[in-house]
Amino acid sequence: MFAAGSTQDPETIAWWSDESTTVPDLTALALWVPFSSQDRRPLLPTIDVPVLLAHGRKSQIYPTPVWEALSDLIPQTSLALFDDSGHSPFWEPPEEFNAVVIDFVKTL
């Protein structure tokens, strides 16, 4: 969830790691099977509300080109890329993330 070499405090990283292992196996399976087996891309151009996509460039889960492609498919998208963040830009850097969200909400 965090960028390699993250400066996030070790207690937060440990908490996040512990929390992520508490999801029951059947729940995780119920979430991931449809996610991995159904292509929802044809629906993305039909989204008719403003969308903010926030992505950490150091994500070890989804590379930046995935988010750029999503942004291209959704008509009213703002793509915020966080250079020093992993998969969870709301954790690192939270101040920058919050500012981006506030600026986005002000446009609505």
PDB file of N, CA and C in Angstrom:
ATOM      1  N   MET A   1       0.804  -1.192   0.000  1.00  0.00           N
ATOM      2  CA  MET A   1       0.000   0.000   0.000  1.00  0.00           C
ATOM      3  C   MET A   1       0.849   1.259   0.000  1.00  0.00           C
ATOM      4  N   PHE A   2       2.020   1.166   0.598  1.00  0.00           N
ATOM      5  CA  PHE A   2       2.890   2.331   0.686  1.00  0.00           C
ATOM      6  C   PHE A   2       4.012   2.222  -0.337  1.00  0.00           C
ATOM      7  N   ALA A   3       4.564   3.366  -0.705  1.00  0.00           N
ATOM      8  CA  ALA A   3       5.675   3.384  -1.645  1.00  0.00           C
ATOM      9  C   ALA A   3       6.898   2.737  -1.016  1.00  0.00           C
ATOM     10  N   ALA A   4       7.694   2.083  -1.856  1.00  0.00           N
ATOM     11  CA  ALA A   4       8.953   1.534  -1.360  1.00  0.00           C
ATOM     12  C   ALA A   4       9.771   2.677  -0.773  1.00  0.00           C
ATOM     13  N   GLY A   5      10.345   2.462   0.391  1.00  0.00           N
ATOM     14  CA  GLY A   5      11.111   3.504   1.055  1.00  0.00           C
ATOM     15  C   GLY A   5      10.243   4.568   1.694  1.00  0.00           C
ATOM     16  N   SER A   6       8.988   4.253   1.932  1.00  0.00           N
ATOM     17  CA  SER A   6       8.042   5.208   2.504  1.00  0.00           C
ATOM     18  C   SER A   6       8.559   5.789   3.814  1.00  0.00           C
ATOM     19  N   THR A   7       8.236   7.043   4.020  1.00  0.00           N
ATOM     20  CA  THR A   7       8.579   7.690   5.288  1.00  0.00           C
ATOM     21  C   THR A   7       7.414   7.624   6.268  1.00  0.00           C
ATOM     22  N   GLN A   8       6.357   6.906   5.888  1.00  0.00           N
ATOM     23  CA  GLN A   8       5.211   6.723   6.783  1.00  0.00           C
ATOM     24  C   GLN A   8       5.693   6.072   8.074  1.00  0.00           C
ATOM     25  N   ASP A   9       5.107   6.452   9.189  1.00  0.00           N
ATOM     26  CA  ASP A   9       5.599   5.914  10.451  1.00  0.00           C
ATOM     27  C   ASP A   9       5.362   4.402  10.512  1.00  0.00           C
ATOM     28  N   PRO A  10       6.305   3.649  11.075  1.00  0.00           N
ATOM     29  CA  PRO A  10       6.237   2.187  11.105  1.00  0.00           C
ATOM     30  C   PRO A  10       4.975   1.645  11.775  1.00  0.00           C
ATOM     31  N   GLU A  11       4.451   2.355  12.760  1.00  0.00           N
ATOM     32  CA  GLU A  11       3.226   1.892  13.423  1.00  0.00           C
ATOM     33  C   GLU A  11       2.040   1.898  12.460  1.00  0.00           C
ATOM     34  N   THR A  12       1.951   2.917  11.630  1.00  0.00           N
ATOM     35  CA  THR A  12       0.867   2.985  10.649  1.00  0.00           C
ATOM     36  C   THR A  12       1.006   1.868   9.628  1.00  0.00           C
ATOM     37  N   ILE A  13       2.214   1.641   9.156  1.00  0.00           N
ATOM     38  CA  ILE A  13       2.447   0.563   8.190  1.00  0.00           C
ATOM     39  C   ILE A  13       2.084  -0.785   8.805  1.00  0.00           C
ATOM     40  N   ALA A  14       2.476  -1.012  10.050  1.00  0.00           N
ATOM     41  CA  ALA A  14       2.155  -2.275  10.732  1.00  0.00           C
ATOM     42  C   ALA A  14       0.643  -2.423  10.906  1.00  0.00           C
ATOM     43  N   TRP A  15      -0.029  -1.337  11.291  1.00  0.00           N
ATOM     44  CA  TRP A  15      -1.486  -1.385  11.456  1.00  0.00           C
ATOM     45  C   TRP A  15      -2.158  -1.743  10.139  1.00  0.00           C
ATOM     46  N   TRP A  16      -1.748  -1.071   9.060  1.00  0.00           N
ATOM     47  CA  TRP A  16      -2.339  -1.315   7.745  1.00  0.00           C
ATOM     48  C   TRP A  16      -2.120  -2.770   7.332  1.00  0.00           C
ATOM     49  N   SER A  17      -0.939  -3.265   7.555  1.00  0.00           N
ATOM     50  CA  SER A  17      -0.627  -4.649   7.211  1.00  0.00           C
ATOM     51  C   SER A  17      -1.502  -5.616   7.996  1.00  0.00           C
ATOM     52  N   ASP A  18      -1.641  -5.374   9.290  1.00  0.00           N
ATOM     53  CA  ASP A  18      -2.493  -6.229  10.123  1.00  0.00           C
ATOM     54  C   ASP A  18      -3.950  -6.173   9.665  1.00  0.00           C
ATOM     55  N   GLU A  19      -4.445  -4.979   9.389  1.00  0.00           N
ATOM     56  CA  GLU A  19      -5.838  -4.820   8.963  1.00  0.00           C
ATOM     57  C   GLU A  19      -6.113  -5.556   7.655  1.00  0.00           C
ATOM     58  N   SER A  20      -5.163  -5.493   6.748  1.00  0.00           N
ATOM     59  CA  SER A  20      -5.392  -6.105   5.435  1.00  0.00           C
ATOM     60  C   SER A  20      -5.468  -7.621   5.503  1.00  0.00           C
ATOM     61  N   THR A  21      -4.972  -8.200   6.580  1.00  0.00           N
ATOM     62  CA  THR A  21      -5.033  -9.660   6.717  1.00  0.00           C
ATOM     63  C   THR A  21      -6.256 -10.117   7.504  1.00  0.00           C
ATOM     64  N   THR A  22      -7.103  -9.185   7.931  1.00  0.00           N
ATOM     65  CA  THR A  22      -8.282  -9.574   8.710  1.00  0.00           C
ATOM     66  C   THR A  22      -9.504  -9.850   7.837  1.00  0.00           C
ATOM     67  N   VAL A  23      -9.407  -9.574   6.551  1.00  0.00           N
ATOM     68  CA  VAL A  23     -10.535  -9.826   5.657  1.00  0.00           C
ATOM     69  C   VAL A  23     -10.692 -11.338   5.496  1.00  0.00           C
ATOM     70  N   PRO A  24     -11.867 -11.870   5.801  1.00  0.00           N
ATOM     71  CA  PRO A  24     -12.074 -13.313   5.629  1.00  0.00           C
ATOM     72  C   PRO A  24     -11.854 -13.740   4.172  1.00  0.00           C
ATOM     73  N   ASP A  25     -11.323 -14.928   3.989  1.00  0.00           N
ATOM     74  CA  ASP A  25     -11.001 -15.415   2.647  1.00  0.00           C
ATOM     75  C   ASP A  25     -12.194 -15.364   1.697  1.00  0.00           C
ATOM     76  N   LEU A  26     -13.366 -15.786   2.165  1.00  0.00           N
ATOM     77  CA  LEU A  26     -14.539 -15.789   1.286  1.00  0.00           C
ATOM     78  C   LEU A  26     -14.967 -14.376   0.896  1.00  0.00           C
ATOM     79  N   THR A  27     -14.771 -13.430   1.784  1.00  0.00           N
ATOM     80  CA  THR A  27     -15.089 -12.035   1.462  1.00  0.00           C
ATOM     81  C   THR A  27     -14.135 -11.519   0.399  1.00  0.00           C
ATOM     82  N   ALA A  28     -12.853 -11.778   0.586  1.00  0.00           N
ATOM     83  CA  ALA A  28     -11.864 -11.354  -0.410  1.00  0.00           C
ATOM     84  C   ALA A  28     -12.163 -11.984  -1.766  1.00  0.00           C
ATOM     85  N   LEU A  29     -12.500 -13.252  -1.763  1.00  0.00           N
ATOM     86  CA  LEU A  29     -12.832 -13.948  -3.003  1.00  0.00           C
ATOM     87  C   LEU A  29     -14.068 -13.337  -3.661  1.00  0.00           C
ATOM     88  N   ALA A  30     -15.085 -13.032  -2.864  1.00  0.00           N
ATOM     89  CA  ALA A  30     -16.309 -12.433  -3.398  1.00  0.00           C
ATOM     90  C   ALA A  30     -16.035 -11.073  -4.034  1.00  0.00           C
ATOM     91  N   LEU A  31     -15.051 -10.356  -3.526  1.00  0.00           N
ATOM     92  CA  LEU A  31     -14.693  -9.054  -4.090  1.00  0.00           C
ATOM     93  C   LEU A  31     -13.844  -9.194  -5.346  1.00  0.00           C
ATOM     94  N   TRP A  32     -12.892 -10.098  -5.328  1.00  0.00           N
ATOM     95  CA  TRP A  32     -11.918 -10.184  -6.410  1.00  0.00           C
ATOM     96  C   TRP A  32     -12.395 -10.949  -7.636  1.00  0.00           C
ATOM     97  N   VAL A  33     -13.248 -11.944  -7.482  1.00  0.00           N
ATOM     98  CA  VAL A  33     -13.681 -12.714  -8.653  1.00  0.00           C
ATOM     99  C   VAL A  33     -14.384 -11.824  -9.677  1.00  0.00           C
ATOM    100  N   PRO A  34     -15.414 -11.055  -9.300  1.00  0.00           N
ATOM    101  CA  PRO A  34     -16.044 -10.196 -10.310  1.00  0.00           C
ATOM    102  C   PRO A  34     -15.088  -9.119 -10.827  1.00  0.00           C
ATOM    103  N   PHE A  35     -14.254  -8.616  -9.944  1.00  0.00           N
ATOM    104  CA  PHE A  35     -13.314  -7.559 -10.327  1.00  0.00           C
ATOM    105  C   PHE A  35     -12.355  -8.053 -11.405  1.00  0.00           C
ATOM    106  N   SER A  36     -11.905  -9.285 -11.266  1.00  0.00           N
ATOM    107  CA  SER A  36     -10.903  -9.803 -12.190  1.00  0.00           C
ATOM    108  C   SER A  36     -11.498 -10.501 -13.407  1.00  0.00           C
ATOM    109  N   SER A  37     -12.788 -10.806 -13.384  1.00  0.00           N
ATOM    110  CA  SER A  37     -13.357 -11.584 -14.483  1.00  0.00           C
ATOM    111  C   SER A  37     -14.361 -10.810 -15.341  1.00  0.00           C
ATOM    112  N   GLN A  38     -14.682  -9.593 -14.983  1.00  0.00           N
ATOM    113  CA  GLN A  38     -15.650  -8.814 -15.749  1.00  0.00           C
ATOM    114  C   GLN A  38     -15.011  -7.522 -16.228  1.00  0.00           C
ATOM    115  N   ASP A  39     -15.139  -7.269 -17.503  1.00  0.00           N
ATOM    116  CA  ASP A  39     -14.567  -6.063 -18.094  1.00  0.00           C
ATOM    117  C   ASP A  39     -15.620  -4.955 -18.085  1.00  0.00           C
ATOM    118  N   ARG A  40     -15.431  -3.979 -17.239  1.00  0.00           N
ATOM    119  CA  ARG A  40     -16.389  -2.877 -17.106  1.00  0.00           C
ATOM    120  C   ARG A  40     -15.994  -1.643 -17.928  1.00  0.00           C
ATOM    121  N   ARG A  41     -14.902  -1.739 -18.677  1.00  0.00           N
ATOM    122  CA  ARG A  41     -14.451  -0.574 -19.443  1.00  0.00           C
ATOM    123  C   ARG A  41     -15.508   0.007 -20.375  1.00  0.00           C
ATOM    124  N   PRO A  42     -16.360  -0.803 -21.018  1.00  0.00           N
ATOM    125  CA  PRO A  42     -17.378  -0.199 -21.889  1.00  0.00           C
ATOM    126  C   PRO A  42     -18.347   0.733 -21.152  1.00  0.00           C
ATOM    127  N   LEU A  43     -18.485   0.564 -19.859  1.00  0.00           N
ATOM    128  CA  LEU A  43     -19.391   1.424 -19.087  1.00  0.00           C
ATOM    129  C   LEU A  43     -18.768   2.775 -18.734  1.00  0.00           C
ATOM    130  N   LEU A  44     -17.458   2.849 -18.714  1.00  0.00           N
ATOM    131  CA  LEU A  44     -16.792   4.066 -18.237  1.00  0.00           C
ATOM    132  C   LEU A  44     -17.165   5.317 -19.029  1.00  0.00           C
ATOM    133  N   PRO A  45     -17.262   5.262 -20.361  1.00  0.00           N
ATOM    134  CA  PRO A  45     -17.647   6.474 -21.092  1.00  0.00           C
ATOM    135  C   PRO A  45     -19.065   6.953 -20.799  1.00  0.00           C
ATOM    136  N   THR A  46     -19.875   6.130 -20.147  1.00  0.00           N
ATOM    137  CA  THR A  46     -21.253   6.532 -19.840  1.00  0.00           C
ATOM    138  C   THR A  46     -21.369   7.270 -18.508  1.00  0.00           C
ATOM    139  N   ILE A  47     -20.294   7.343 -17.769  1.00  0.00           N
ATOM    140  CA  ILE A  47     -20.324   8.069 -16.492  1.00  0.00           C
ATOM    141  C   ILE A  47     -20.508   9.552 -16.804  1.00  0.00           C
ATOM    142  N   ASP A  48     -21.539  10.148 -16.255  1.00  0.00           N
ATOM    143  CA  ASP A  48     -21.859  11.535 -16.615  1.00  0.00           C
ATOM    144  C   ASP A  48     -21.768  12.508 -15.440  1.00  0.00           C
ATOM    145  N   VAL A  49     -20.896  12.194 -14.515  1.00  0.00           N
ATOM    146  CA  VAL A  49     -20.624  13.089 -13.391  1.00  0.00           C
ATOM    147  C   VAL A  49     -19.112  13.286 -13.297  1.00  0.00           C
ATOM    148  N   PRO A  50     -18.669  14.383 -12.713  1.00  0.00           N
ATOM    149  CA  PRO A  50     -17.234  14.585 -12.542  1.00  0.00           C
ATOM    150  C   PRO A  50     -16.623  13.497 -11.651  1.00  0.00           C
ATOM    151  N   VAL A  51     -15.436  13.068 -12.028  1.00  0.00           N
ATOM    152  CA  VAL A  51     -14.737  11.996 -11.317  1.00  0.00           C
ATOM    153  C   VAL A  51     -13.314  12.449 -11.010  1.00  0.00           C
ATOM    154  N   LEU A  52     -12.887  12.204  -9.792  1.00  0.00           N
ATOM    155  CA  LEU A  52     -11.495  12.439  -9.413  1.00  0.00           C
ATOM    156  C   LEU A  52     -10.826  11.088  -9.242  1.00  0.00           C
ATOM    157  N   LEU A  53      -9.787  10.848 -10.020  1.00  0.00           N
ATOM    158  CA  LEU A  53      -8.965   9.657  -9.855  1.00  0.00           C
ATOM    159  C   LEU A  53      -7.672  10.093  -9.182  1.00  0.00           C
ATOM    160  N   ALA A  54      -7.337   9.466  -8.079  1.00  0.00           N
ATOM    161  CA  ALA A  54      -6.114   9.793  -7.343  1.00  0.00           C
ATOM    162  C   ALA A  54      -5.210   8.569  -7.379  1.00  0.00           C
ATOM    163  N   HIS A  55      -3.989   8.751  -7.845  1.00  0.00           N
ATOM    164  CA  HIS A  55      -3.080   7.616  -8.021  1.00  0.00           C
ATOM    165  C   HIS A  55      -1.679   7.968  -7.544  1.00  0.00           C
ATOM    166  N   GLY A  56      -1.094   7.044  -6.810  1.00  0.00           N
ATOM    167  CA  GLY A  56       0.300   7.177  -6.411  1.00  0.00           C
ATOM    168  C   GLY A  56       1.198   6.540  -7.454  1.00  0.00           C
ATOM    169  N   ARG A  57       2.113   7.309  -8.003  1.00  0.00           N
ATOM    170  CA  ARG A  57       2.992   6.808  -9.067  1.00  0.00           C
ATOM    171  C   ARG A  57       3.868   5.631  -8.620  1.00  0.00           C
ATOM    172  N   LYS A  58       4.058   5.480  -7.325  1.00  0.00           N
ATOM    173  CA  LYS A  58       4.891   4.382  -6.826  1.00  0.00           C
ATOM    174  C   LYS A  58       4.055   3.177  -6.387  1.00  0.00           C
ATOM    175  N   SER A  59       2.814   3.120  -6.846  1.00  0.00           N
ATOM    176  CA  SER A  59       1.952   1.984  -6.521  1.00  0.00           C
ATOM    177  C   SER A  59       2.582   0.705  -7.056  1.00  0.00           C
ATOM    178  N   GLN A  60       2.637  -0.294  -6.203  1.00  0.00           N
ATOM    179  CA  GLN A  60       3.152  -1.592  -6.618  1.00  0.00           C
ATOM    180  C   GLN A  60       2.005  -2.508  -7.039  1.00  0.00           C
ATOM    181  N   ILE A  61       0.793  -1.968  -7.069  1.00  0.00           N
ATOM    182  CA  ILE A  61      -0.381  -2.755  -7.441  1.00  0.00           C
ATOM    183  C   ILE A  61      -0.845  -2.396  -8.853  1.00  0.00           C
ATOM    184  N   TYR A  62      -1.034  -1.108  -9.120  1.00  0.00           N
ATOM    185  CA  TYR A  62      -1.465  -0.666 -10.444  1.00  0.00           C
ATOM    186  C   TYR A  62      -0.483   0.379 -10.961  1.00  0.00           C
ATOM    187  N   PRO A  63       0.098   0.154 -12.136  1.00  0.00           N
ATOM    188  CA  PRO A  63       1.009   1.154 -12.694  1.00  0.00           C
ATOM    189  C   PRO A  63       0.240   2.380 -13.204  1.00  0.00           C
ATOM    190  N   THR A  64       0.930   3.483 -13.289  1.00  0.00           N
ATOM    191  CA  THR A  64       0.325   4.746 -13.715  1.00  0.00           C
ATOM    192  C   THR A  64      -0.413   4.650 -15.049  1.00  0.00           C
ATOM    193  N   PRO A  65       0.096   3.929 -16.054  1.00  0.00           N
ATOM    194  CA  PRO A  65      -0.650   3.859 -17.324  1.00  0.00           C
ATOM    195  C   PRO A  65      -2.074   3.306 -17.190  1.00  0.00           C
ATOM    196  N   VAL A  66      -2.327   2.480 -16.184  1.00  0.00           N
ATOM    197  CA  VAL A  66      -3.695   1.993 -15.951  1.00  0.00           C
ATOM    198  C   VAL A  66      -4.605   3.169 -15.625  1.00  0.00           C
ATOM    199  N   TRP A  67      -4.149   4.055 -14.752  1.00  0.00           N
ATOM    200  CA  TRP A  67      -4.960   5.206 -14.343  1.00  0.00           C
ATOM    201  C   TRP A  67      -5.089   6.221 -15.469  1.00  0.00           C
ATOM    202  N   GLU A  68      -4.040   6.357 -16.268  1.00  0.00           N
ATOM    203  CA  GLU A  68      -4.131   7.253 -17.421  1.00  0.00           C
ATOM    204  C   GLU A  68      -5.161   6.730 -18.425  1.00  0.00           C
ATOM    205  N   ALA A  69      -5.197   5.415 -18.618  1.00  0.00           N
ATOM    206  CA  ALA A  69      -6.188   4.820 -19.523  1.00  0.00           C
ATOM    207  C   ALA A  69      -7.602   5.002 -18.978  1.00  0.00           C
ATOM    208  N   LEU A  70      -7.780   4.806 -17.676  1.00  0.00           N
ATOM    209  CA  LEU A  70      -9.095   5.034 -17.068  1.00  0.00           C
ATOM    210  C   LEU A  70      -9.523   6.482 -17.258  1.00  0.00           C
ATOM    211  N   SER A  71      -8.597   7.381 -17.042  1.00  0.00           N
ATOM    212  CA  SER A  71      -8.893   8.805 -17.186  1.00  0.00           C
ATOM    213  C   SER A  71      -9.333   9.131 -18.610  1.00  0.00           C
ATOM    214  N   ASP A  72      -8.709   8.480 -19.579  1.00  0.00           N
ATOM    215  CA  ASP A  72      -9.082   8.707 -20.979  1.00  0.00           C
ATOM    216  C   ASP A  72     -10.483   8.185 -21.296  1.00  0.00           C
ATOM    217  N   LEU A  73     -10.931   7.178 -20.566  1.00  0.00           N
ATOM    218  CA  LEU A  73     -12.227   6.553 -20.847  1.00  0.00           C
ATOM    219  C   LEU A  73     -13.412   7.245 -20.167  1.00  0.00           C
ATOM    220  N   ILE A  74     -13.149   7.980 -19.101  1.00  0.00           N
ATOM    221  CA  ILE A  74     -14.231   8.635 -18.358  1.00  0.00           C
ATOM    222  C   ILE A  74     -14.265  10.106 -18.768  1.00  0.00           C
ATOM    223  N   PRO A  75     -15.392  10.580 -19.314  1.00  0.00           N
ATOM    224  CA  PRO A  75     -15.443  11.925 -19.893  1.00  0.00           C
ATOM    225  C   PRO A  75     -15.031  13.081 -18.977  1.00  0.00           C
ATOM    226  N   GLN A  76     -15.527  13.150 -17.776  1.00  0.00           N
ATOM    227  CA  GLN A  76     -15.284  14.310 -16.910  1.00  0.00           C
ATOM    228  C   GLN A  76     -14.309  13.952 -15.785  1.00  0.00           C
ATOM    229  N   THR A  77     -13.117  13.540 -16.166  1.00  0.00           N
ATOM    230  CA  THR A  77     -12.170  13.056 -15.167  1.00  0.00           C
ATOM    231  C   THR A  77     -11.065  14.056 -14.886  1.00  0.00           C
ATOM    232  N   SER A  78     -10.749  14.182 -13.614  1.00  0.00           N
ATOM    233  CA  SER A  78      -9.535  14.865 -13.177  1.00  0.00           C
ATOM    234  C   SER A  78      -8.623  13.770 -12.640  1.00  0.00           C
ATOM    235  N   LEU A  79      -7.423  13.675 -13.181  1.00  0.00           N
ATOM    236  CA  LEU A  79      -6.464  12.670 -12.734  1.00  0.00           C
ATOM    237  C   LEU A  79      -5.386  13.354 -11.913  1.00  0.00           C
ATOM    238  N   ALA A  80      -5.304  12.977 -10.646  1.00  0.00           N
ATOM    239  CA  ALA A  80      -4.284  13.524  -9.749  1.00  0.00           C
ATOM    240  C   ALA A  80      -3.228  12.448  -9.533  1.00  0.00           C
ATOM    241  N   LEU A  81      -2.002  12.746  -9.919  1.00  0.00           N
ATOM    242  CA  LEU A  81      -0.894  11.808  -9.759  1.00  0.00           C
ATOM    243  C   LEU A  81       0.018  12.302  -8.645  1.00  0.00           C
ATOM    244  N   PHE A  82       0.298  11.426  -7.711  1.00  0.00           N
ATOM    245  CA  PHE A  82       1.125  11.762  -6.553  1.00  0.00           C
ATOM    246  C   PHE A  82       2.471  11.065  -6.707  1.00  0.00           C
ATOM    247  N   ASP A  83       3.511  11.861  -6.906  1.00  0.00           N
ATOM    248  CA  ASP A  83       4.833  11.321  -7.229  1.00  0.00           C
ATOM    249  C   ASP A  83       5.429  10.439  -6.147  1.00  0.00           C
ATOM    250  N   ASP A  84       5.226  10.767  -4.895  1.00  0.00           N
ATOM    251  CA  ASP A  84       5.888  10.045  -3.806  1.00  0.00           C
ATOM    252  C   ASP A  84       4.945   9.141  -3.028  1.00  0.00           C
ATOM    253  N   SER A  85       3.881   8.702  -3.674  1.00  0.00           N
ATOM    254  CA  SER A  85       2.883   7.877  -3.000  1.00  0.00           C
ATOM    255  C   SER A  85       2.815   6.502  -3.638  1.00  0.00           C
ATOM    256  N   GLY A  86       2.451   5.525  -2.797  1.00  0.00           N
ATOM    257  CA  GLY A  86       2.179   4.185  -3.290  1.00  0.00           C
ATOM    258  C   GLY A  86       0.708   4.064  -3.650  1.00  0.00           C
ATOM    259  N   HIS A  87       0.121   2.921  -3.341  1.00  0.00           N
ATOM    260  CA  HIS A  87      -1.259   2.623  -3.714  1.00  0.00           C
ATOM    261  C   HIS A  87      -2.282   3.468  -2.952  1.00  0.00           C
ATOM    262  N   SER A  88      -1.881   4.080  -1.864  1.00  0.00           N
ATOM    263  CA  SER A  88      -2.827   4.810  -1.010  1.00  0.00           C
ATOM    264  C   SER A  88      -2.416   6.267  -0.841  1.00  0.00           C
ATOM    265  N   PRO A  89      -2.689   7.106  -1.846  1.00  0.00           N
ATOM    266  CA  PRO A  89      -2.243   8.494  -1.745  1.00  0.00           C
ATOM    267  C   PRO A  89      -2.895   9.273  -0.613  1.00  0.00           C
ATOM    268  N   PHE A  90      -3.995   8.765  -0.060  1.00  0.00           N
ATOM    269  CA  PHE A  90      -4.599   9.450   1.086  1.00  0.00           C
ATOM    270  C   PHE A  90      -3.746   9.282   2.338  1.00  0.00           C
ATOM    271  N   TRP A  91      -2.820   8.315   2.337  1.00  0.00           N
ATOM    272  CA  TRP A  91      -1.902   8.127   3.469  1.00  0.00           C
ATOM    273  C   TRP A  91      -0.600   8.881   3.278  1.00  0.00           C
ATOM    274  N   GLU A  92      -0.125   8.930   2.040  1.00  0.00           N
ATOM    275  CA  GLU A  92       1.164   9.567   1.797  1.00  0.00           C
ATOM    276  C   GLU A  92       1.109  10.348   0.491  1.00  0.00           C
ATOM    277  N   PRO A  93       1.146  11.572   0.418  1.00  0.00           N
ATOM    278  CA  PRO A  93       1.141  12.565   1.486  1.00  0.00           C
ATOM    279  C   PRO A  93      -0.295  13.038   1.745  1.00  0.00           C
ATOM    280  N   PRO A  94      -0.811  12.885   2.947  1.00  0.00           N
ATOM    281  CA  PRO A  94      -2.221  13.214   3.197  1.00  0.00           C
ATOM    282  C   PRO A  94      -2.569  14.683   2.968  1.00  0.00           C
ATOM    283  N   GLU A  95      -1.658  15.588   3.279  1.00  0.00           N
ATOM    284  CA  GLU A  95      -1.963  17.015   3.117  1.00  0.00           C
ATOM    285  C   GLU A  95      -2.166  17.351   1.640  1.00  0.00           C
ATOM    286  N   GLU A  96      -1.287  16.824   0.801  1.00  0.00           N
ATOM    287  CA  GLU A  96      -1.403  17.071  -0.639  1.00  0.00           C
ATOM    288  C   GLU A  96      -2.682  16.426  -1.184  1.00  0.00           C
ATOM    289  N   PHE A  97      -2.962  15.209  -0.748  1.00  0.00           N
ATOM    290  CA  PHE A  97      -4.178  14.515  -1.179  1.00  0.00           C
ATOM    291  C   PHE A  97      -5.420  15.315  -0.782  1.00  0.00           C
ATOM    292  N   ASN A  98      -5.478  15.745   0.476  1.00  0.00           N
ATOM    293  CA  ASN A  98      -6.635  16.508   0.954  1.00  0.00           C
ATOM    294  C   ASN A  98      -6.825  17.790   0.159  1.00  0.00           C
ATOM    295  N   ALA A  99      -5.735  18.467  -0.165  1.00  0.00           N
ATOM    296  CA  ALA A  99      -5.826  19.703  -0.945  1.00  0.00           C
ATOM    297  C   ALA A  99      -6.399  19.429  -2.334  1.00  0.00           C
ATOM    298  N   VAL A 100      -5.976  18.331  -2.947  1.00  0.00           N
ATOM    299  CA  VAL A 100      -6.493  17.970  -4.269  1.00  0.00           C
ATOM    300  C   VAL A 100      -7.991  17.674  -4.188  1.00  0.00           C
ATOM    301  N   VAL A 101      -8.408  16.932  -3.172  1.00  0.00           N
ATOM    302  CA  VAL A 101      -9.831  16.608  -3.016  1.00  0.00           C
ATOM    303  C   VAL A 101     -10.645  17.882  -2.780  1.00  0.00           C
ATOM    304  N   ILE A 102     -10.163  18.757  -1.924  1.00  0.00           N
ATOM    305  CA  ILE A 102     -10.873  20.012  -1.649  1.00  0.00           C
ATOM    306  C   ILE A 102     -11.001  20.841  -2.922  1.00  0.00           C
ATOM    307  N   ASP A 103      -9.912  20.957  -3.681  1.00  0.00           N
ATOM    308  CA  ASP A 103      -9.969  21.714  -4.937  1.00  0.00           C
ATOM    309  C   ASP A 103     -10.967  21.089  -5.912  1.00  0.00           C
ATOM    310  N   PHE A 104     -10.985  19.760  -5.974  1.00  0.00           N
ATOM    311  CA  PHE A 104     -11.927  19.073  -6.858  1.00  0.00           C
ATOM    312  C   PHE A 104     -13.368  19.341  -6.426  1.00  0.00           C
ATOM    313  N   VAL A 105     -13.641  19.213  -5.146  1.00  0.00           N
ATOM    314  CA  VAL A 105     -15.005  19.422  -4.635  1.00  0.00           C
ATOM    315  C   VAL A 105     -15.471  20.850  -4.918  1.00  0.00           C
ATOM    316  N   LYS A 106     -14.573  21.803  -4.850  1.00  0.00           N
ATOM    317  CA  LYS A 106     -14.940  23.198  -5.128  1.00  0.00           C
ATOM    318  C   LYS A 106     -15.387  23.409  -6.571  1.00  0.00           C
ATOM    319  N   THR A 107     -15.012  22.494  -7.465  1.00  0.00           N
ATOM    320  CA  THR A 107     -15.416  22.629  -8.871  1.00  0.00           C
ATOM    321  C   THR A 107     -16.804  22.072  -9.138  1.00  0.00           C
ATOM    322  N   LEU A 108     -17.369  21.402  -8.159  1.00  0.00           N
ATOM    323  CA  LEU A 108     -18.674  20.747  -8.367  1.00  0.00           C
ATOM    324  C   LEU A 108     -19.827  21.719  -8.206  1.00  0.00           C
TER     325      LEU A 108
END
